[in-house]
Protein backbone atom coordinates (compact mmCIF):
# COMPACT_ATOMS: atom_id res chain seq x y z
CA MET A 1 15.77 -17.12 -7.34
CA THR A 2 12.74 -15.31 -7.55
CA GLY A 3 14.22 -12.41 -10.07
CA ASN A 4 13.09 -9.48 -10.33
CA LEU A 5 10.07 -9.00 -9.08
CA VAL A 6 9.35 -5.70 -9.83
CA ASP A 7 10.57 -6.34 -13.44
CA GLY A 8 7.27 -7.72 -15.87
CA VAL A 9 5.02 -7.20 -12.88
CA GLU A 10 2.54 -5.99 -15.78
CA ASN A 11 3.17 -9.08 -17.58
CA GLU A 12 2.66 -10.93 -15.31
CA SER A 13 -1.08 -10.15 -14.04
CA GLN A 14 -1.90 -10.73 -17.23
CA GLN A 15 -0.25 -14.36 -17.32
CA ASP A 16 -1.15 -15.59 -14.03
CA ALA A 17 -5.31 -16.47 -15.15
CA GLN A 18 -3.75 -18.41 -17.95
CA VAL A 19 -1.55 -19.97 -15.94
CA ALA A 20 -3.24 -20.87 -12.87
CA GLU A 21 -4.13 -24.18 -12.30
CA HIS A 22 -7.71 -25.11 -11.78
CA ALA A 23 -8.14 -27.73 -8.70
CA ALA A 24 -11.31 -29.43 -10.18
CA GLY A 25 -13.21 -26.19 -8.88
CA GLY A 26 -12.88 -27.39 -5.34
CA THR A 27 -10.09 -26.69 -2.68
CA ALA A 28 -8.71 -28.95 -0.03
CA SER A 29 -9.95 -29.86 3.37
CA ILE A 30 -7.24 -30.01 5.51
CA ARG A 31 -9.75 -30.86 8.86
CA HIS A 32 -8.78 -34.45 11.02
CA HIS A 33 -5.80 -34.59 9.39
CA GLU A 34 -2.16 -34.93 10.31
CA VAL A 35 0.71 -33.62 8.54
CA GLY A 36 2.33 -35.64 5.89
CA GLU A 37 -1.36 -36.84 4.81
CA ALA A 38 -2.89 -36.07 1.65
CA PRO A 39 -6.02 -34.15 2.33
CA PRO A 40 -9.15 -35.25 0.42
CA LEU A 41 -10.76 -32.31 -2.00
CA ARG A 42 -14.06 -31.25 -0.63
CA ARG A 43 -16.38 -28.69 -3.16
CA TYR A 44 -17.25 -25.65 -1.12
CA ARG A 45 -21.05 -24.13 -1.27
CA ARG A 46 -21.06 -21.72 -4.32
CA HIS A 47 -22.24 -18.16 -3.14
CA PRO A 48 -24.79 -16.92 -5.61
CA ARG A 49 -22.91 -14.27 -7.68
CA PRO A 50 -23.87 -10.96 -9.38
CA MET A 51 -24.02 -10.88 -12.99
CA PRO A 52 -20.89 -9.52 -14.58
CA ARG A 53 -22.24 -5.91 -15.90
CA SER A 54 -21.87 -5.51 -19.63
CA PHE A 55 -19.03 -4.10 -21.10
CA GLY A 56 -19.22 0.44 -21.04
CA GLY A 57 -22.23 -0.26 -18.66
CA PRO A 58 -22.18 1.18 -14.67
CA PRO A 59 -20.39 -0.58 -12.31
CA THR A 60 -22.26 -2.65 -10.11
CA PRO A 61 -22.96 -1.39 -6.52
CA PRO A 62 -20.88 -2.52 -3.67
CA PRO A 63 -23.02 -5.55 -1.97
CA HIS A 64 -22.25 -4.30 1.78
CA ILE A 65 -24.80 -1.71 1.02
CA SER A 66 -27.87 -3.61 1.79
CA PHE A 67 -25.93 -5.15 4.87
CA GLN A 68 -25.70 -4.06 9.05
CA TYR A 69 -22.87 -1.62 8.69
CA ASN A 70 -20.35 -3.51 11.00
CA SER A 71 -18.52 -0.48 13.01
CA ALA A 72 -16.18 -3.01 14.58
CA ALA A 73 -14.41 -3.92 11.00
CA THR A 74 -11.06 -3.67 10.10
CA ILE A 75 -10.82 -4.90 6.68
CA GLU A 76 -13.56 -3.16 4.61
CA ARG A 77 -14.31 -3.11 1.10
CA ILE A 78 -12.80 -0.11 -1.32
CA PRO A 79 -14.65 2.61 -0.98
CA TYR A 80 -17.06 2.64 -4.40
CA ASN A 81 -15.47 5.97 -5.07
CA LEU A 82 -12.34 4.67 -6.00
CA HIS A 83 -13.24 1.56 -8.02
CA LEU A 84 -12.96 3.56 -11.42
CA ILE A 85 -9.88 5.08 -10.51
CA VAL A 86 -8.18 2.86 -12.84
CA PRO A 87 -10.43 2.13 -15.34
CA GLY A 88 -9.62 -1.74 -17.21
CA ASN A 89 -6.93 -2.74 -14.40
CA ARG A 90 -8.48 -4.73 -11.78
CA SER A 91 -6.34 -6.19 -10.28
CA VAL A 92 -5.72 -2.94 -8.55
CA ILE A 93 -8.83 -4.50 -6.24
CA ALA A 94 -8.90 -7.92 -6.87
CA PRO A 95 -6.29 -10.13 -6.22
CA THR A 96 -5.43 -12.24 -9.47
CA ALA A 97 -3.27 -15.24 -8.41
CA VAL A 98 -4.29 -15.67 -4.95
CA ALA A 99 -7.43 -15.27 -2.23
CA ILE A 100 -6.44 -14.03 1.18
CA GLY A 101 -10.01 -13.73 3.45
CA PRO A 102 -12.93 -14.16 2.36
CA TYR A 103 -14.18 -11.69 0.33
CA HIS A 104 -12.50 -12.85 -3.23
CA ARG A 105 -12.21 -16.90 -2.48
CA ALA A 106 -14.93 -17.68 -4.89
CA LEU A 107 -12.79 -16.44 -7.63
CA PRO A 108 -12.27 -19.20 -10.00
CA GLN A 109 -9.26 -18.07 -11.42
CA LEU A 110 -7.62 -18.35 -8.21
CA SER A 111 -8.62 -21.95 -7.31
CA GLY A 112 -4.99 -23.16 -8.00
CA MET A 113 -3.16 -21.93 -5.64
CA GLN A 114 -5.59 -24.07 -2.66
CA GLU A 115 -3.15 -27.34 -2.80
CA ALA A 116 -0.12 -24.48 -2.93
CA LYS A 117 -2.20 -23.33 0.89
CA VAL A 118 -2.27 -27.11 1.87
CA ALA A 119 1.47 -27.65 1.40
CA ALA A 120 2.29 -24.21 2.97
CA VAL A 121 0.19 -25.51 6.00
CA ALA A 122 2.07 -28.81 6.06
CA GLU A 123 5.04 -26.73 5.90
CA PHE A 124 4.51 -24.06 8.55
CA CYS A 125 4.31 -27.33 10.88
CA ARG A 126 7.29 -28.68 10.07
CA ALA A 127 9.47 -25.33 10.54
CA ALA A 128 7.59 -24.71 13.79
CA GLY A 129 7.70 -27.83 15.48
CA GLN A 130 3.93 -28.30 16.15
CA PRO A 131 1.79 -31.07 15.32
CA PHE A 132 -0.97 -29.76 12.83
CA ALA A 133 -3.93 -30.00 16.04
CA ALA A 134 -2.19 -27.90 17.81
CA VAL A 135 -1.79 -25.65 15.01
CA ARG A 136 -5.54 -25.35 14.01
CA GLY A 137 -7.30 -25.91 17.69
CA LYS A 138 -5.14 -22.39 17.99
CA MET A 139 -7.09 -21.54 15.02
CA LEU A 140 -10.43 -22.34 16.23
CA SER A 141 -9.59 -20.57 19.75
CA VAL A 142 -9.22 -17.14 17.61
CA ALA A 143 -11.20 -17.65 14.58
CA GLY A 144 -14.57 -15.87 16.63
CA ALA A 145 -12.77 -12.72 17.11
CA ALA A 146 -10.99 -13.05 13.84
CA ARG A 147 -14.52 -13.10 11.76
CA GLY A 148 -16.16 -10.12 13.70
CA SER A 149 -12.59 -8.00 11.71
CA TYR A 150 -14.92 -7.95 8.15
CA ALA A 151 -17.13 -6.01 7.06
CA ALA A 152 -21.01 -7.00 7.21
CA ASP A 153 -21.32 -7.61 3.40
CA GLY A 154 -22.84 -10.83 2.94
CA THR A 155 -19.62 -12.66 2.09
CA LEU A 156 -19.53 -15.06 5.52
CA VAL A 157 -23.35 -15.29 6.10
CA HIS A 158 -23.44 -19.35 4.40
CA MET A 159 -19.59 -19.81 5.91
CA ASN A 160 -19.73 -21.35 9.38
CA ASP A 161 -16.83 -20.94 12.23
CA GLY A 162 -15.47 -24.31 11.86
CA GLU A 163 -14.98 -23.16 7.72
CA PHE A 164 -14.10 -19.87 8.74
CA ALA A 165 -11.15 -21.12 10.94
CA GLU A 166 -9.93 -23.71 8.37
CA MET A 167 -9.78 -20.67 5.91
CA MET A 168 -7.38 -18.67 8.21
CA LEU A 169 -5.33 -21.13 8.68
CA LEU A 170 -4.89 -21.81 5.29
CA ASP A 171 -4.13 -18.45 4.54
CA GLY A 172 -2.34 -17.10 7.44
CA CYS A 173 0.66 -20.26 7.27
CA PHE A 174 0.73 -19.74 3.28
CA LEU A 175 0.77 -16.20 3.33
CA LEU A 176 3.76 -16.73 6.78
CA GLN A 177 5.42 -19.36 4.47
CA PHE A 178 5.67 -16.92 1.40
CA MET A 179 6.67 -14.29 3.39
CA ALA A 180 9.97 -16.52 4.46
CA SER A 181 10.66 -18.07 1.54
CA VAL A 182 10.92 -14.84 -1.02
CA CYS A 183 13.53 -13.41 2.03
CA ARG A 184 15.43 -16.84 2.17
CA HIS A 185 16.85 -16.54 -1.37
CA ARG A 186 16.53 -20.64 -1.86
CA ASP A 187 15.78 -22.20 -4.62
CA ASP A 188 15.07 -25.08 -3.30
CA ASP A 189 12.01 -24.01 -1.08
CA PRO A 190 9.16 -25.97 -0.40
CA LEU A 191 6.85 -23.19 -1.38
CA ILE A 192 8.51 -21.35 -4.18
CA SER A 193 9.42 -24.30 -6.39
CA ARG A 194 5.82 -25.31 -6.61
CA GLY A 195 5.11 -24.29 -9.51
CA GLU A 196 2.14 -22.74 -9.19
CA VAL A 197 3.64 -20.41 -6.30
CA ARG A 198 6.92 -19.14 -8.88
CA ARG A 199 5.35 -18.77 -11.80
CA SER A 200 2.83 -16.06 -9.77
CA ILE A 201 5.39 -14.43 -7.51
CA ASN A 202 4.88 -11.15 -8.94
CA ALA A 203 1.26 -11.55 -8.62
CA ILE A 204 0.94 -12.50 -5.48
CA VAL A 205 3.68 -9.79 -3.57
CA ARG A 206 0.97 -7.39 -5.16
CA ASP A 207 -2.33 -9.52 -3.80
CA VAL A 208 -0.41 -9.68 -0.49
CA MET A 209 -1.01 -5.83 -0.09
CA LEU A 210 -4.86 -5.32 -1.32
CA LEU A 211 -7.22 -4.31 1.09
CA GLU A 212 -9.70 -6.58 0.21
CA ASN A 213 -6.93 -9.51 0.49
CA GLN A 214 -6.20 -9.46 3.87
CA ILE A 215 -6.83 -11.39 7.45
CA PRO A 216 -7.02 -10.26 10.99
CA TRP A 217 -3.23 -9.76 12.35
CA LEU A 218 -4.66 -11.82 15.26
CA VAL A 219 -4.44 -14.73 13.06
CA LEU A 220 -1.26 -14.01 11.94
CA SER A 221 0.44 -12.88 15.38
CA SER A 222 -0.69 -16.57 16.66
CA LEU A 223 0.61 -18.17 14.08
CA MET A 224 4.31 -16.57 14.86
CA GLN A 225 3.54 -17.46 18.45
CA LEU A 226 4.21 -21.09 17.50
CA MET A 227 6.82 -20.73 15.64
CA PRO A 228 10.32 -20.69 17.42
CA PRO A 229 11.87 -17.33 18.08
CA PRO A 230 12.23 -14.68 16.75
CA ALA A 231 9.81 -14.83 14.16
CA GLU A 232 8.94 -11.41 13.68
CA PRO A 233 12.21 -10.53 11.58
CA VAL A 234 10.36 -12.17 9.23
CA VAL A 235 7.49 -9.78 8.39
CA ASP A 236 9.97 -7.11 8.83
CA SER A 237 12.44 -8.38 6.27
CA PHE A 238 9.92 -8.94 4.06
CA LEU A 239 8.18 -5.29 4.75
CA VAL A 240 11.68 -3.95 3.55
CA LEU A 241 11.74 -6.24 0.13
CA MET A 242 8.23 -4.61 -0.45
CA ALA A 243 8.82 -0.63 0.71
CA SER A 244 12.22 -0.57 -1.93
CA ALA A 245 8.75 -0.73 -4.16
CA PHE A 246 8.36 3.00 -3.70
CA HIS A 247 12.30 3.94 -3.58
CA ILE A 248 11.36 5.52 0.03
CA VAL A 249 14.64 4.02 1.45
CA GLY A 250 17.59 3.59 -0.14
CA ASP A 251 20.27 1.16 -0.34
CA THR A 252 19.97 -2.49 2.19
CA ASN A 253 21.12 -0.94 4.63
CA ASP A 254 19.16 2.10 4.99
CA ALA A 255 16.48 0.29 4.45
CA SER A 256 16.92 -1.60 7.35
CA SER A 257 18.17 0.58 9.71
CA GLN A 258 14.25 2.80 8.98
CA THR A 259 12.53 -0.19 9.31
CA ARG A 260 14.08 -0.83 12.96
CA LEU A 261 13.88 2.71 13.71
CA LEU A 262 9.98 2.68 12.70
CA ALA A 263 9.51 -0.72 14.14
CA THR A 264 10.84 0.59 18.25
CA GLY A 265 8.47 2.77 17.22
CA GLU A 266 5.93 0.55 17.08
CA LEU A 267 6.17 -0.80 20.57
CA ASP A 268 3.88 1.33 22.38
CA GLN A 269 1.36 1.17 19.73
CA SER A 270 -1.19 -1.15 19.55
CA ALA A 271 -1.31 -4.13 17.15
CA PRO A 272 -1.91 -3.78 13.18
CA PRO A 273 -5.19 -4.59 11.96
CA HIS A 274 -3.30 -6.77 8.99
CA LEU A 275 0.19 -6.83 7.10
CA LEU A 276 -1.10 -4.12 5.20
CA GLY A 277 -2.04 -1.63 8.14
CA LEU A 278 1.90 -2.60 9.53
CA PHE A 279 3.32 -1.85 5.99
CA HIS A 280 1.05 1.67 5.33
CA ARG A 281 2.67 2.27 8.89
CA ARG A 282 5.72 2.36 8.11
CA HIS A 283 5.01 5.02 5.86
CA MET A 284 3.70 7.02 8.21
CA ASP A 285 6.87 9.00 9.37
CA MET A 286 6.39 8.44 12.71
CA GLY A 287 7.69 12.01 14.16
CA ALA A 288 7.07 14.14 11.18
CA VAL A 289 3.05 12.92 11.07
CA ARG A 290 3.08 14.74 14.41
CA THR A 291 1.20 18.29 14.53
CA GLN A 292 0.19 20.21 17.40
CA GLN A 293 -1.55 23.17 15.51
CA HIS A 294 -4.33 21.41 13.86
CA GLN A 295 -6.38 19.48 16.07
CA SER A 296 -10.21 18.59 14.37
CA GLY A 297 -9.64 15.45 12.66
CA ILE A 298 -9.98 14.87 8.82
CA LEU A 299 -9.62 18.23 6.93
CA ARG A 300 -10.41 18.95 3.57
CA VAL A 301 -8.66 22.10 1.73
CA PRO A 302 -10.30 24.97 1.59
CA VAL A 303 -12.33 26.04 -1.84
CA GLN A 304 -10.80 29.23 -1.02
CA LEU A 305 -7.38 27.78 -1.23
CA ALA A 306 -7.25 24.96 -3.35
CA SER A 307 -7.57 27.77 -6.31
CA LEU A 308 -4.41 28.65 -5.78
CA SER A 309 -2.47 25.99 -7.21
CA SER A 310 1.44 26.48 -7.73
CA THR A 311 2.86 23.72 -9.96
CA ALA A 312 6.18 22.13 -10.13
CA VAL A 313 7.29 24.59 -12.93
CA GLU A 314 5.67 27.35 -10.96
CA LEU A 315 7.66 26.96 -8.38
CA ALA A 316 10.97 26.99 -9.83
CA GLU A 317 9.94 30.19 -11.58
CA MET A 318 9.12 31.25 -8.12
CA GLY A 319 12.43 30.00 -6.22
CA VAL A 320 11.18 26.90 -4.56
CA LYS A 321 13.70 24.24 -5.05
CA LEU A 322 11.67 20.48 -4.61
CA ALA A 323 13.90 18.36 -2.89
CA PRO A 324 13.48 14.57 -1.87
CA SER A 325 12.77 14.15 2.18
CA LYS A 326 15.38 12.89 4.49
CA THR A 327 13.55 10.32 5.98
CA LYS A 328 11.90 9.32 1.96
CA THR A 329 8.44 8.22 3.84
CA PHE A 330 4.94 9.76 2.95
CA GLY A 331 3.83 11.30 6.11
CA ASP A 332 7.66 13.60 5.56
CA MET A 333 6.45 16.74 3.93
CA ALA A 334 7.82 19.95 4.70
CA MET A 335 8.07 24.00 3.53
CA SER A 336 10.93 25.79 4.20
CA LYS A 337 12.42 29.40 3.60
CA ARG A 338 15.60 31.57 3.26
CA HIS A 339 16.42 34.94 2.70
CA TRP A 340 19.91 35.66 0.78
CA PRO A 341 21.19 38.76 -0.88
CA LEU A 342 19.46 37.77 -3.99
CA GLY A 343 15.88 36.78 -2.65
CA LEU A 344 13.83 34.91 -0.81
CA PHE A 345 14.17 31.28 -1.44
CA GLY A 346 12.38 28.03 -0.44
CA GLU A 347 12.90 23.91 -0.44
CA LEU A 348 9.35 21.74 -0.82
CA SER A 349 10.64 18.33 0.35
CA LEU A 350 8.54 15.33 -0.54
CA ALA A 351 9.29 11.39 -0.45
CA PRO A 352 10.77 10.56 -3.66
CA LEU A 353 8.53 7.64 -6.09
CA VAL A 354 8.25 5.22 -8.59
CA LEU A 355 5.32 4.86 -9.94
CA ASN A 356 4.27 1.52 -11.74
CA ARG A 357 1.84 -0.82 -12.56
CA LEU A 358 3.26 -2.52 -8.40
CA THR A 359 3.34 0.95 -6.75
CA GLU A 360 0.13 2.42 -8.31
CA CYS A 361 -2.08 -0.34 -7.07
CA TRP A 362 -0.42 -0.43 -3.37
CA LEU A 363 -0.71 3.58 -3.51
CA LEU A 364 -4.44 3.44 -4.13
CA ASN A 365 -5.40 0.17 -1.17
CA MET A 366 -3.26 2.51 1.08
CA ALA A 367 -5.03 5.38 0.04
CA ALA A 368 -8.43 3.34 0.52
CA TYR A 369 -7.13 2.18 4.04
CA GLU A 370 -7.06 5.07 5.51
CA SER A 371 -10.06 6.49 4.21
CA CYS A 372 -11.66 3.16 6.41
CA GLN A 373 -10.17 4.49 9.82
CA PRO A 374 -11.99 5.96 12.11
CA GLN A 375 -10.36 9.23 12.96
CA GLN A 376 -10.64 10.60 16.94
CA GLN A 377 -11.21 14.26 17.59
CA GLY A 378 -8.08 15.98 19.06
CA ASP A 379 -6.16 13.16 17.52
CA ALA A 380 -3.23 14.62 16.92
CA THR A 381 -1.56 12.10 14.31
CA ASP A 382 -2.20 12.21 10.84
CA SER A 383 -4.01 9.14 9.97
CA PHE A 384 -3.25 10.76 5.91
CA PRO A 385 -0.18 10.12 4.56
CA VAL A 386 -0.70 8.47 1.79
CA SER A 387 -3.10 10.51 0.84
CA SER A 388 -2.03 13.77 1.70
CA TYR A 389 1.00 12.92 -0.22
CA VAL A 390 -0.82 11.91 -3.29
CA THR A 391 -2.69 14.98 -3.23
CA LEU A 392 0.52 17.85 -3.19
CA VAL A 393 1.71 15.64 -5.93
CA SER A 394 -1.49 16.32 -7.74
CA LEU A 395 -1.48 20.24 -6.74
CA LEU A 396 2.19 20.45 -8.16
CA VAL A 397 1.65 18.35 -11.43
CA ASN A 398 -1.21 20.20 -13.83
CA ARG A 399 0.78 19.42 -17.21
CA PRO A 400 2.84 17.34 -18.60
CA GLU A 401 5.49 20.21 -18.51
CA ASP A 402 4.93 19.70 -14.88
CA VAL A 403 5.74 16.25 -14.54
CA GLN A 404 9.33 16.54 -16.37
CA GLU A 405 10.18 18.61 -13.61
CA MET A 406 9.40 16.04 -10.87
CA ARG A 407 11.14 13.99 -13.19
CA ALA A 408 14.52 15.98 -13.42
CA LYS A 409 14.36 16.42 -9.62
CA GLY A 410 14.07 12.94 -8.76
CA LEU A 411 10.83 13.08 -6.98
CA VAL A 412 8.98 11.21 -9.76
CA VAL A 413 10.49 8.00 -11.51
CA SER A 414 7.78 6.43 -14.01
CA VAL A 415 7.15 3.54 -16.30
CA PHE A 416 4.56 5.71 -17.25
CA ASP A 417 4.36 8.71 -19.89
CA ASP A 418 4.37 12.32 -18.41
CA GLY A 419 0.42 11.93 -19.64
CA GLU A 420 -0.13 8.56 -17.72
CA THR A 421 1.34 10.53 -15.05
CA LEU A 422 -0.56 13.46 -14.69
CA ALA A 423 -3.51 11.25 -15.25
CA PHE A 424 -3.26 9.07 -12.43
CA PHE A 425 -2.31 11.74 -10.02
CA LYS A 426 -4.97 13.89 -11.24
CA ALA A 427 -7.88 10.92 -11.04
CA LEU A 428 -7.20 9.79 -7.80
CA ALA A 429 -6.23 13.20 -5.74
CA PRO A 430 -10.46 14.34 -5.38
CA HIS A 431 -11.72 11.39 -3.52
CA LEU A 432 -9.57 12.04 -0.69
CA SER A 433 -9.26 13.45 2.79
CA VAL A 434 -6.20 15.19 3.50
CA GLY A 435 -4.81 15.26 6.89
CA CYS A 436 -2.75 17.78 8.99
CA ARG A 437 0.58 18.20 7.29
CA TYR A 438 -0.66 18.73 4.48
CA TYR A 439 -2.91 21.69 5.11
CA GLU A 440 0.82 23.04 6.90
CA VAL A 441 2.46 22.50 3.96
CA PHE A 442 -0.05 24.13 1.74
CA GLN A 443 -0.51 27.08 4.03
CA PHE A 444 3.30 26.82 4.21
CA LEU A 445 3.16 27.44 0.51
CA GLN A 446 0.88 30.83 -0.12
CA GLU A 447 2.33 32.74 2.62
CA TYR A 448 6.10 32.49 1.20
CA ARG A 449 4.06 33.13 -2.55
CA GLN A 450 1.93 36.68 -0.74
CA GLU A 451 5.51 37.06 1.26
CA ARG A 452 7.36 37.04 -2.01
CA TRP A 453 4.96 39.46 -4.07
CA LEU A 454 5.13 41.79 -1.18
CA SER A 455 8.69 41.56 -1.27
CA GLY A 456 8.70 43.20 -4.35
CA CYS A 457 9.35 39.69 -6.78
CA GLY A 458 6.47 39.77 -8.49
CA SER A 459 2.53 38.94 -8.12
CA PRO A 460 0.76 36.74 -5.97
CA SER A 461 -0.39 34.53 -8.22
CA THR A 462 3.28 33.61 -10.17
CA GLY A 463 5.98 34.85 -7.69
CA SER A 464 8.19 35.48 -9.97
CA CYS A 465 10.65 37.99 -10.19
CA THR A 466 14.39 38.41 -11.78
CA THR A 467 16.04 36.78 -9.32
CA THR A 468 14.89 33.53 -9.86
CA SER A 469 16.65 33.05 -13.23
CA ARG A 470 19.96 32.40 -11.11
CA PRO A 471 21.07 29.68 -9.06
CA SER A 472 18.72 28.96 -5.72
CA PRO A 473 21.24 28.54 -2.79
CA LEU A 474 19.55 25.82 -2.19
CA SER A 475 20.30 24.19 -5.25
CA SER A 476 22.48 21.25 -5.26
CA PRO A 477 23.26 18.68 -8.36
CA SER A 478 22.75 15.83 -5.53
CA SER A 479 19.17 16.52 -5.48
CA ALA A 480 18.18 13.91 -7.81
CA CYS A 481 17.42 10.24 -6.88
CA SER A 482 20.70 8.09 -7.32
CA ARG A 483 18.76 5.08 -8.87
CA ASP A 484 16.88 6.61 -12.51
CA SER A 485 16.18 2.67 -12.76
CA SER A 486 11.84 3.04 -12.70
CA ARG A 487 11.82 -0.93 -12.05
CA PRO A 488 13.80 -1.53 -8.50
CA SER A 489 15.03 -4.64 -8.08
CA PHE A 490 13.84 -5.65 -4.77
CA LEU A 491 17.01 -8.43 -4.62
């Protein structure tokens, strides 16, 4: 039905703006209309927008700098220093098919999805067995709290509470119905069968995980309360499907088991801020990211340590084997060592990664989400698993040959060539903060280098010795990922 949601995602992003059906410059109002009626179209007020910058000129400063900072905001703008990480690929920040929330709702190329949102509200009411008035009333009751979740950048200045509640209703129902439709695999699904949705499935999948394209979890949870139980498995199944794009889970059974494991750990936690926040939480590896050694909040690698990089090729020369982590979550990274008759050998494990236009986009947005989260002094939870992961990979790749080594070990499966893959990690890593897990792995790696040198296996700069020409006792022919495809299928 939906086909391969990853295959062709790059081409899809270029076509979406051309095939979107514009809704005559307006959006559909659903207030005061019962399900089944055709709500009239009305025009939202268009807010003045800054003139686009000329090609090659400096980027326009973020609009929120002239407004008071909202300390309670949980849906922030992408930090300004991350805007130009992927030059020319604005879909990394802005949606290309559907606007969720207020930040990008005025983009004219996204107006063609408004009729699908109205249809999603009608389908939601039908499936939930709820009258439209009850669903609308639920949104009105949470609109005030939801409004405070957005950054104080002036986006909501000209939107009253009724308009805001209407937007939350349209976007919340569309998001829930889209997740359910993707997981149902039905060709006659009321939402997927619509032309504007069917043409843009790949782009919508990408858009709903953008940091600036989120709605508060309060909105989704309030709507799910109106649905017949159980409603949560729809979200769980959708996130499992999305996680398969990273190849951090194995087959379908392993993916379901991993999600159930992480979902169990979420029972004692506070509610996520939004869908991206929940998606990020599923990649943290709750057990592995907790540490008691460092409790100082945000960490940055000291300059004297950062200069002692160890590339993938150098690690092989030092007798360190690169291997996929057991849980395949970003937070699960570790360095271990063993003494053998042939010498000292180590193993550095981290999650395997498929890198394409879709996962490139999600990695940047999850890293941006991490940078917006407040850190508490003494918190033993590493809140930077994605940033730490990207920084560690950046440490391991300094040349295209290092990327080839990562490919050979099954840790990176990329649709980009070695140079482009290297450039992505090198461009993103300097802008990120790292967590305790990265610091511990890095420190252990330097201690391993020093110990190997003291044992007579080379200099501390390379750590190489004659024994490294022999196969490592930790080597295994099955260490590579089982799937070599750079475009895994969700379905």
